[in-house]
Amino acid sequence: MLAAGIPAHDRLGVEIQAAFWAAAGIWILMLAASDVLGRRDTGSWLLGFWIWGTFLFAAAINWTVNGRTVLPLVPAAAILVFRRLDDKVAGERIRFRGVAVALCAGAALALLVAQSDFQAAVAVRKCAQWACAQAGAKKLWFQGHWGFQFYMQSGGAFPVDFKKSVFQPGDEIAIPSNNTNLLPLDPAKSRGLAFLAVPGSRWLSTMNAAAGAGFYASTWGPLPFVFGPAPPETVSLYALTQ
């Protein structure tokens, strides 16, 4: 059910990743509760409310679960982890080499996610710039929002208002694939002109429904990022015949 909208051949990998990250999240919540029960001081209560409050807001109050609503609990989680490490150091039950490896792995993962998100943004920009350069009509329209909208409007294109826009024969419309608020055109009233696909990251996806990645909105995918090649960013250019 978690990966129902993802192609069948990719679902198992996404479900395994979801189980792994869910277990990590449950461990953080349990660590916060354990710290409160074990220490019962103001610091532990502050960290507990910080982590559980952020979790409840992201999961039950905010309109969607996304990376930005979860990130505020990261400092508190880091403090809890190092408080637990301090306890283990006191008991001489910790190997610092393992801690160093874990920190390096976490830093590498953070950089990989940031780089993949950057590559996706660059691919969207290339799609928009290509569409503006290819258009030969007097008026170029586009569907979609986010960064694609910014670059299309910067290139002189007009956003489609599904209720108010008035089109003329010969107008052209650019439609991206990995975006929101998209409606298919009537084949009897339009014809395809050109198509572009720009490859994204080879290792990880951050915002692609086909991959199951929804860093900025869980409605886009069940995970904030998904390991594996990111599907390309694409845009299609159409001409209106009626």
C-alpha atoms as a PDB file:
ATOM      1  CA  MET A   1       0.000   0.000   0.000  1.00  0.00           C
ATOM      2  CA  LEU A   2       2.869   2.333   0.805  1.00  0.00           C
ATOM      3  CA  ALA A   3       4.219   2.236  -2.752  1.00  0.00           C
ATOM      4  CA  ALA A   4       0.951   1.659  -4.602  1.00  0.00           C
ATOM      5  CA  GLY A   5       1.537   4.451  -7.129  1.00  0.00           C
ATOM      6  CA  ILE A   6       5.071   3.333  -8.005  1.00  0.00           C
ATOM      7  CA  PRO A   7       5.879   1.004 -10.940  1.00  0.00           C
ATOM      8  CA  ALA A   8       5.731  -2.640  -9.855  1.00  0.00           C
ATOM      9  CA  HIS A   9       9.409  -3.362 -10.534  1.00  0.00           C
ATOM     10  CA  ASP A  10      10.477  -0.565  -8.149  1.00  0.00           C
ATOM     11  CA  ARG A  11       8.042  -1.141  -5.283  1.00  0.00           C
ATOM     12  CA  LEU A  12      10.049  -3.671  -3.282  1.00  0.00           C
ATOM     13  CA  GLY A  13      13.101  -1.394  -3.096  1.00  0.00           C
ATOM     14  CA  VAL A  14      10.991   1.561  -1.969  1.00  0.00           C
ATOM     15  CA  GLU A  15       9.213  -0.534   0.672  1.00  0.00           C
ATOM     16  CA  ILE A  16      12.541  -1.805   2.063  1.00  0.00           C
ATOM     17  CA  GLN A  17      13.861   1.740   2.317  1.00  0.00           C
ATOM     18  CA  ALA A  18      10.620   2.892   3.963  1.00  0.00           C
ATOM     19  CA  ALA A  19      10.872   0.130   6.578  1.00  0.00           C
ATOM     20  CA  PHE A  20      14.486   1.059   7.351  1.00  0.00           C
ATOM     21  CA  TRP A  21      13.819   4.788   7.797  1.00  0.00           C
ATOM     22  CA  ALA A  22      10.630   4.132   9.749  1.00  0.00           C
ATOM     23  CA  ALA A  23      12.618   1.983  12.187  1.00  0.00           C
ATOM     24  CA  ALA A  24      15.166   4.789  12.561  1.00  0.00           C
ATOM     25  CA  GLY A  25      12.388   7.291  13.280  1.00  0.00           C
ATOM     26  CA  ILE A  26      10.772   5.024  15.864  1.00  0.00           C
ATOM     27  CA  TRP A  27      14.158   4.641  17.553  1.00  0.00           C
ATOM     28  CA  ILE A  28      14.509   8.429  17.869  1.00  0.00           C
ATOM     29  CA  LEU A  29      11.041   8.692  19.425  1.00  0.00           C
ATOM     30  CA  MET A  30      11.836   5.878  21.856  1.00  0.00           C
ATOM     31  CA  LEU A  31      15.170   7.486  22.700  1.00  0.00           C
ATOM     32  CA  ALA A  32      13.393  10.737  23.617  1.00  0.00           C
ATOM     33  CA  ALA A  33      10.905   8.902  25.832  1.00  0.00           C
ATOM     34  CA  SER A  34      13.674   6.843  27.449  1.00  0.00           C
ATOM     35  CA  ASP A  35      15.700   9.975  28.209  1.00  0.00           C
ATOM     36  CA  VAL A  36      12.725  11.578  29.961  1.00  0.00           C
ATOM     37  CA  LEU A  37      12.025   8.458  32.035  1.00  0.00           C
ATOM     38  CA  GLY A  38      15.680   7.973  32.906  1.00  0.00           C
ATOM     39  CA  ARG A  39      16.789  11.506  33.751  1.00  0.00           C
ATOM     40  CA  ARG A  40      13.570  13.336  34.665  1.00  0.00           C
ATOM     41  CA  ASP A  41      15.250  16.737  34.466  1.00  0.00           C
ATOM     42  CA  THR A  42      14.317  19.928  32.631  1.00  0.00           C
ATOM     43  CA  GLY A  43      16.727  19.182  29.786  1.00  0.00           C
ATOM     44  CA  SER A  44      15.227  15.778  29.063  1.00  0.00           C
ATOM     45  CA  TRP A  45      11.679  17.175  29.183  1.00  0.00           C
ATOM     46  CA  LEU A  46      12.655  19.973  26.788  1.00  0.00           C
ATOM     47  CA  LEU A  47      14.193  17.526  24.320  1.00  0.00           C
ATOM     48  CA  GLY A  48      11.229  15.181  24.650  1.00  0.00           C
ATOM     49  CA  PHE A  49       8.655  17.877  23.928  1.00  0.00           C
ATOM     50  CA  TRP A  50      10.853  19.205  21.121  1.00  0.00           C
ATOM     51  CA  ILE A  51      11.045  15.859  19.320  1.00  0.00           C
ATOM     52  CA  TRP A  52       7.540  14.581  20.016  1.00  0.00           C
ATOM     53  CA  GLY A  53       5.964  17.993  19.367  1.00  0.00           C
ATOM     54  CA  THR A  54       7.698  18.320  15.998  1.00  0.00           C
ATOM     55  CA  PHE A  55       6.741  14.761  15.109  1.00  0.00           C
ATOM     56  CA  LEU A  56       3.066  15.286  15.959  1.00  0.00           C
ATOM     57  CA  PHE A  57       2.946  18.561  14.025  1.00  0.00           C
ATOM     58  CA  ALA A  58       4.529  16.996  10.933  1.00  0.00           C
ATOM     59  CA  ALA A  59       2.442  13.813  11.071  1.00  0.00           C
ATOM     60  CA  ALA A  60      -0.980  15.041  12.228  1.00  0.00           C
ATOM     61  CA  ILE A  61      -1.315  18.830  11.954  1.00  0.00           C
ATOM     62  CA  ASN A  62       0.579  20.066   8.897  1.00  0.00           C
ATOM     63  CA  TRP A  63      -1.214  19.641   5.566  1.00  0.00           C
ATOM     64  CA  THR A  64       1.488  17.215   4.401  1.00  0.00           C
ATOM     65  CA  VAL A  65       4.537  15.438   5.762  1.00  0.00           C
ATOM     66  CA  ASN A  66       7.717  16.877   4.264  1.00  0.00           C
ATOM     67  CA  GLY A  67      11.396  17.273   4.983  1.00  0.00           C
ATOM     68  CA  ARG A  68      11.059  20.857   6.104  1.00  0.00           C
ATOM     69  CA  THR A  69       8.608  20.025   8.905  1.00  0.00           C
ATOM     70  CA  VAL A  70      10.749  17.133  10.185  1.00  0.00           C
ATOM     71  CA  LEU A  71      14.120  18.908  10.057  1.00  0.00           C
ATOM     72  CA  PRO A  72      13.478  21.062  13.184  1.00  0.00           C
ATOM     73  CA  LEU A  73      13.783  17.978  15.395  1.00  0.00           C
ATOM     74  CA  VAL A  74      17.258  17.098  14.066  1.00  0.00           C
ATOM     75  CA  PRO A  75      19.210  19.270  16.588  1.00  0.00           C
ATOM     76  CA  ALA A  76      17.284  17.746  19.494  1.00  0.00           C
ATOM     77  CA  ALA A  77      17.834  14.238  18.119  1.00  0.00           C
ATOM     78  CA  ALA A  78      21.568  14.913  17.782  1.00  0.00           C
ATOM     79  CA  ILE A  79      21.736  16.127  21.396  1.00  0.00           C
ATOM     80  CA  LEU A  80      19.945  12.994  22.581  1.00  0.00           C
ATOM     81  CA  VAL A  81      22.266  10.714  20.641  1.00  0.00           C
ATOM     82  CA  PHE A  82      25.362  12.334  22.110  1.00  0.00           C
ATOM     83  CA  ARG A  83      23.866  12.309  25.593  1.00  0.00           C
ATOM     84  CA  ARG A  84      23.428   8.559  25.202  1.00  0.00           C
ATOM     85  CA  LEU A  85      26.996   8.248  23.881  1.00  0.00           C
ATOM     86  CA  ASP A  86      28.260  10.128  26.944  1.00  0.00           C
ATOM     87  CA  ASP A  87      26.492   7.601  29.146  1.00  0.00           C
ATOM     88  CA  LYS A  88      28.150   4.744  27.316  1.00  0.00           C
ATOM     89  CA  VAL A  89      31.558   6.417  27.489  1.00  0.00           C
ATOM     90  CA  ALA A  90      31.148   6.571  31.261  1.00  0.00           C
ATOM     91  CA  GLY A  91      30.565   2.835  31.215  1.00  0.00           C
ATOM     92  CA  GLU A  92      33.452   2.226  28.762  1.00  0.00           C
ATOM     93  CA  ARG A  93      31.185   0.390  26.341  1.00  0.00           C
ATOM     94  CA  ILE A  94      31.711   2.420  23.154  1.00  0.00           C
ATOM     95  CA  ARG A  95      34.097   2.268  20.225  1.00  0.00           C
ATOM     96  CA  PHE A  96      34.851   5.714  18.847  1.00  0.00           C
ATOM     97  CA  ARG A  97      35.789   4.313  15.446  1.00  0.00           C
ATOM     98  CA  GLY A  98      32.198   3.219  14.934  1.00  0.00           C
ATOM     99  CA  VAL A  99      30.960   6.686  15.916  1.00  0.00           C
ATOM    100  CA  ALA A 100      33.312   8.300  13.398  1.00  0.00           C
ATOM    101  CA  VAL A 101      32.124   5.967  10.637  1.00  0.00           C
ATOM    102  CA  ALA A 102      28.478   6.737  11.436  1.00  0.00           C
ATOM    103  CA  LEU A 103      29.104  10.495  11.389  1.00  0.00           C
ATOM    104  CA  CYS A 104      30.930  10.293   8.056  1.00  0.00           C
ATOM    105  CA  ALA A 105      28.138   8.177   6.569  1.00  0.00           C
ATOM    106  CA  GLY A 106      25.521  10.675   7.744  1.00  0.00           C
ATOM    107  CA  ALA A 107      27.469  13.603   6.282  1.00  0.00           C
ATOM    108  CA  ALA A 108      27.908  11.775   2.973  1.00  0.00           C
ATOM    109  CA  LEU A 109      24.185  11.007   2.813  1.00  0.00           C
ATOM    110  CA  ALA A 110      23.277  14.644   3.512  1.00  0.00           C
ATOM    111  CA  LEU A 111      25.589  15.841   0.729  1.00  0.00           C
ATOM    112  CA  LEU A 112      24.206  13.241  -1.681  1.00  0.00           C
ATOM    113  CA  VAL A 113      20.618  14.336  -0.984  1.00  0.00           C
ATOM    114  CA  ALA A 114      21.549  18.004  -1.452  1.00  0.00           C
ATOM    115  CA  GLN A 115      23.426  17.273  -4.692  1.00  0.00           C
ATOM    116  CA  SER A 116      20.543  15.195  -6.078  1.00  0.00           C
ATOM    117  CA  ASP A 117      18.026  17.923  -5.271  1.00  0.00           C
ATOM    118  CA  PHE A 118      20.310  20.462  -6.965  1.00  0.00           C
ATOM    119  CA  GLN A 119      20.574  18.291 -10.089  1.00  0.00           C
ATOM    120  CA  ALA A 120      16.789  18.008 -10.238  1.00  0.00           C
ATOM    121  CA  ALA A 121      16.469  21.797 -10.054  1.00  0.00           C
ATOM    122  CA  VAL A 122      19.046  22.223 -12.835  1.00  0.00           C
ATOM    123  CA  ALA A 123      17.163  19.730 -15.019  1.00  0.00           C
ATOM    124  CA  VAL A 124      13.904  21.650 -14.520  1.00  0.00           C
ATOM    125  CA  ARG A 125      15.631  24.905 -15.445  1.00  0.00           C
ATOM    126  CA  LYS A 126      17.022  23.358 -18.634  1.00  0.00           C
ATOM    127  CA  CYS A 127      13.559  22.092 -19.599  1.00  0.00           C
ATOM    128  CA  ALA A 128      12.006  25.525 -19.127  1.00  0.00           C
ATOM    129  CA  GLN A 129      14.775  27.356 -20.987  1.00  0.00           C
ATOM    130  CA  TRP A 130      14.557  24.863 -23.851  1.00  0.00           C
ATOM    131  CA  ALA A 131      10.778  25.282 -24.115  1.00  0.00           C
ATOM    132  CA  CYS A 132      11.079  29.082 -24.235  1.00  0.00           C
ATOM    133  CA  ALA A 133      13.806  28.862 -26.877  1.00  0.00           C
ATOM    134  CA  GLN A 134      11.879  26.356 -29.054  1.00  0.00           C
ATOM    135  CA  ALA A 135       8.566  28.206 -29.030  1.00  0.00           C
ATOM    136  CA  GLY A 136       7.757  29.928 -32.298  1.00  0.00           C
ATOM    137  CA  ALA A 137       4.303  31.221 -31.477  1.00  0.00           C
ATOM    138  CA  LYS A 138       3.340  34.766 -30.567  1.00  0.00           C
ATOM    139  CA  LYS A 139       2.170  33.499 -27.190  1.00  0.00           C
ATOM    140  CA  LEU A 140       3.648  30.650 -25.172  1.00  0.00           C
ATOM    141  CA  TRP A 141       1.670  29.159 -22.302  1.00  0.00           C
ATOM    142  CA  PHE A 142       2.688  26.574 -19.730  1.00  0.00           C
ATOM    143  CA  GLN A 143       1.200  24.310 -17.102  1.00  0.00           C
ATOM    144  CA  GLY A 144       2.860  23.455 -13.798  1.00  0.00           C
ATOM    145  CA  HIS A 145       4.294  25.360 -10.861  1.00  0.00           C
ATOM    146  CA  TRP A 146       7.390  25.432  -8.622  1.00  0.00           C
ATOM    147  CA  GLY A 147      10.768  26.167 -10.228  1.00  0.00           C
ATOM    148  CA  PHE A 148       9.421  25.378 -13.689  1.00  0.00           C
ATOM    149  CA  GLN A 149       6.935  28.245 -13.346  1.00  0.00           C
ATOM    150  CA  PHE A 150       9.667  30.660 -12.252  1.00  0.00           C
ATOM    151  CA  TYR A 151      11.888  29.926 -15.241  1.00  0.00           C
ATOM    152  CA  MET A 152       9.024  29.869 -17.740  1.00  0.00           C
ATOM    153  CA  GLN A 153       7.769  33.268 -16.606  1.00  0.00           C
ATOM    154  CA  SER A 154      11.340  34.565 -16.629  1.00  0.00           C
ATOM    155  CA  GLY A 155      11.430  33.514 -20.306  1.00  0.00           C
ATOM    156  CA  GLY A 156       8.245  35.421 -21.129  1.00  0.00           C
ATOM    157  CA  ALA A 157       5.728  32.541 -21.016  1.00  0.00           C
ATOM    158  CA  PHE A 158       2.265  32.782 -19.435  1.00  0.00           C
ATOM    159  CA  PRO A 159       0.810  30.405 -16.822  1.00  0.00           C
ATOM    160  CA  VAL A 160      -2.386  28.604 -17.792  1.00  0.00           C
ATOM    161  CA  ASP A 161      -5.407  29.548 -15.701  1.00  0.00           C
ATOM    162  CA  PHE A 162      -7.829  26.661 -16.225  1.00  0.00           C
ATOM    163  CA  LYS A 163     -10.805  28.952 -15.603  1.00  0.00           C
ATOM    164  CA  LYS A 164      -9.835  32.253 -17.215  1.00  0.00           C
ATOM    165  CA  SER A 165      -7.152  31.790 -19.883  1.00  0.00           C
ATOM    166  CA  VAL A 166      -8.275  32.468 -23.456  1.00  0.00           C
ATOM    167  CA  PHE A 167      -6.325  30.634 -26.157  1.00  0.00           C
ATOM    168  CA  GLN A 168      -5.981  31.310 -29.879  1.00  0.00           C
ATOM    169  CA  PRO A 169      -5.156  28.865 -32.675  1.00  0.00           C
ATOM    170  CA  GLY A 170      -1.388  28.820 -33.084  1.00  0.00           C
ATOM    171  CA  ASP A 171      -0.646  29.404 -29.401  1.00  0.00           C
ATOM    172  CA  GLU A 172       1.793  26.929 -27.899  1.00  0.00           C
ATOM    173  CA  ILE A 173       1.752  25.220 -24.491  1.00  0.00           C
ATOM    174  CA  ALA A 174       4.661  23.645 -22.609  1.00  0.00           C
ATOM    175  CA  ILE A 175       3.731  20.829 -20.206  1.00  0.00           C
ATOM    176  CA  PRO A 176       6.282  19.206 -17.861  1.00  0.00           C
ATOM    177  CA  SER A 177       5.836  15.648 -16.620  1.00  0.00           C
ATOM    178  CA  ASN A 178       7.108  15.823 -13.040  1.00  0.00           C
ATOM    179  CA  ASN A 179       4.963  18.671 -11.754  1.00  0.00           C
ATOM    180  CA  THR A 180       1.605  19.559 -10.236  1.00  0.00           C
ATOM    181  CA  ASN A 181      -1.714  20.926 -11.560  1.00  0.00           C
ATOM    182  CA  LEU A 182      -1.430  19.324 -15.000  1.00  0.00           C
ATOM    183  CA  LEU A 183      -4.303  18.581 -17.368  1.00  0.00           C
ATOM    184  CA  PRO A 184      -3.936  16.699 -20.667  1.00  0.00           C
ATOM    185  CA  LEU A 185      -4.752  18.539 -23.885  1.00  0.00           C
ATOM    186  CA  ASP A 186      -7.514  17.473 -26.252  1.00  0.00           C
ATOM    187  CA  PRO A 187      -5.761  15.619 -29.130  1.00  0.00           C
ATOM    188  CA  ALA A 188      -8.402  16.942 -31.519  1.00  0.00           C
ATOM    189  CA  LYS A 189      -7.455  20.522 -30.689  1.00  0.00           C
ATOM    190  CA  SER A 190      -3.672  20.285 -30.385  1.00  0.00           C
ATOM    191  CA  ARG A 191      -0.625  18.656 -31.925  1.00  0.00           C
ATOM    192  CA  GLY A 192       2.740  17.786 -30.487  1.00  0.00           C
ATOM    193  CA  LEU A 193       5.723  19.841 -31.620  1.00  0.00           C
ATOM    194  CA  ALA A 194       8.752  18.762 -29.607  1.00  0.00           C
ATOM    195  CA  PHE A 195       9.842  16.861 -26.512  1.00  0.00           C
ATOM    196  CA  LEU A 196      12.877  17.079 -24.240  1.00  0.00           C
ATOM    197  CA  ALA A 197      14.128  14.763 -21.470  1.00  0.00           C
ATOM    198  CA  VAL A 198      16.911  15.924 -19.160  1.00  0.00           C
ATOM    199  CA  PRO A 199      18.526  13.244 -16.954  1.00  0.00           C
ATOM    200  CA  GLY A 200      18.727  13.846 -13.233  1.00  0.00           C
ATOM    201  CA  SER A 201      20.787  12.217 -10.496  1.00  0.00           C
ATOM    202  CA  ARG A 202      22.131   8.704 -11.070  1.00  0.00           C
ATOM    203  CA  TRP A 203      21.955   7.721  -7.421  1.00  0.00           C
ATOM    204  CA  LEU A 204      18.981   9.284  -5.652  1.00  0.00           C
ATOM    205  CA  SER A 205      15.607  11.007  -6.178  1.00  0.00           C
ATOM    206  CA  THR A 206      14.211  13.719  -3.909  1.00  0.00           C
ATOM    207  CA  MET A 207      10.997  14.791  -5.666  1.00  0.00           C
ATOM    208  CA  ASN A 208       9.618  12.395  -8.250  1.00  0.00           C
ATOM    209  CA  ALA A 209       6.308  10.555  -8.031  1.00  0.00           C
ATOM    210  CA  ALA A 210       7.496   7.749 -10.326  1.00  0.00           C
ATOM    211  CA  ALA A 211      10.355   7.027  -7.922  1.00  0.00           C
ATOM    212  CA  GLY A 212       8.249   7.414  -4.766  1.00  0.00           C
ATOM    213  CA  ALA A 213      10.231  10.438  -3.547  1.00  0.00           C
ATOM    214  CA  GLY A 214       8.386  13.378  -1.994  1.00  0.00           C
ATOM    215  CA  PHE A 215      10.839  15.481   0.014  1.00  0.00           C
ATOM    216  CA  TYR A 216       8.622  18.577  -0.171  1.00  0.00           C
ATOM    217  CA  ALA A 217       5.242  16.799   0.059  1.00  0.00           C
ATOM    218  CA  SER A 218       4.364  13.250   1.066  1.00  0.00           C
ATOM    219  CA  THR A 219       1.478  13.355  -1.419  1.00  0.00           C
ATOM    220  CA  TRP A 220       4.204  13.087  -4.067  1.00  0.00           C
ATOM    221  CA  GLY A 221       5.830   9.979  -2.601  1.00  0.00           C
ATOM    222  CA  PRO A 222       6.081   7.987   0.643  1.00  0.00           C
ATOM    223  CA  LEU A 223       9.775   8.804   1.221  1.00  0.00           C
ATOM    224  CA  PRO A 224      11.744  12.077   1.346  1.00  0.00           C
ATOM    225  CA  PHE A 225      14.395  10.532  -0.896  1.00  0.00           C
ATOM    226  CA  VAL A 226      14.781   7.211  -2.674  1.00  0.00           C
ATOM    227  CA  PHE A 227      17.998   5.485  -3.694  1.00  0.00           C
ATOM    228  CA  GLY A 228      18.239   4.608  -7.368  1.00  0.00           C
ATOM    229  CA  PRO A 229      18.415   6.512 -10.685  1.00  0.00           C
ATOM    230  CA  ALA A 230      16.059   9.474 -10.809  1.00  0.00           C
ATOM    231  CA  PRO A 231      13.616   9.468 -13.747  1.00  0.00           C
ATOM    232  CA  PRO A 232      14.436  12.282 -16.198  1.00  0.00           C
ATOM    233  CA  GLU A 233      12.722  15.651 -16.085  1.00  0.00           C
ATOM    234  CA  THR A 234      10.711  16.074 -19.292  1.00  0.00           C
ATOM    235  CA  VAL A 235       8.720  18.763 -21.057  1.00  0.00           C
ATOM    236  CA  SER A 236       6.446  18.542 -24.101  1.00  0.00           C
ATOM    237  CA  LEU A 237       5.628  21.423 -26.414  1.00  0.00           C
ATOM    238  CA  TYR A 238       2.227  21.539 -28.135  1.00  0.00           C
ATOM    239  CA  ALA A 239       0.549  23.825 -30.653  1.00  0.00           C
ATOM    240  CA  LEU A 240      -3.177  24.606 -30.390  1.00  0.00           C
ATOM    241  CA  THR A 241      -5.076  23.986 -33.610  1.00  0.00           C
ATOM    242  CA  GLN A 242      -8.457  25.204 -32.332  1.00  0.00           C
END
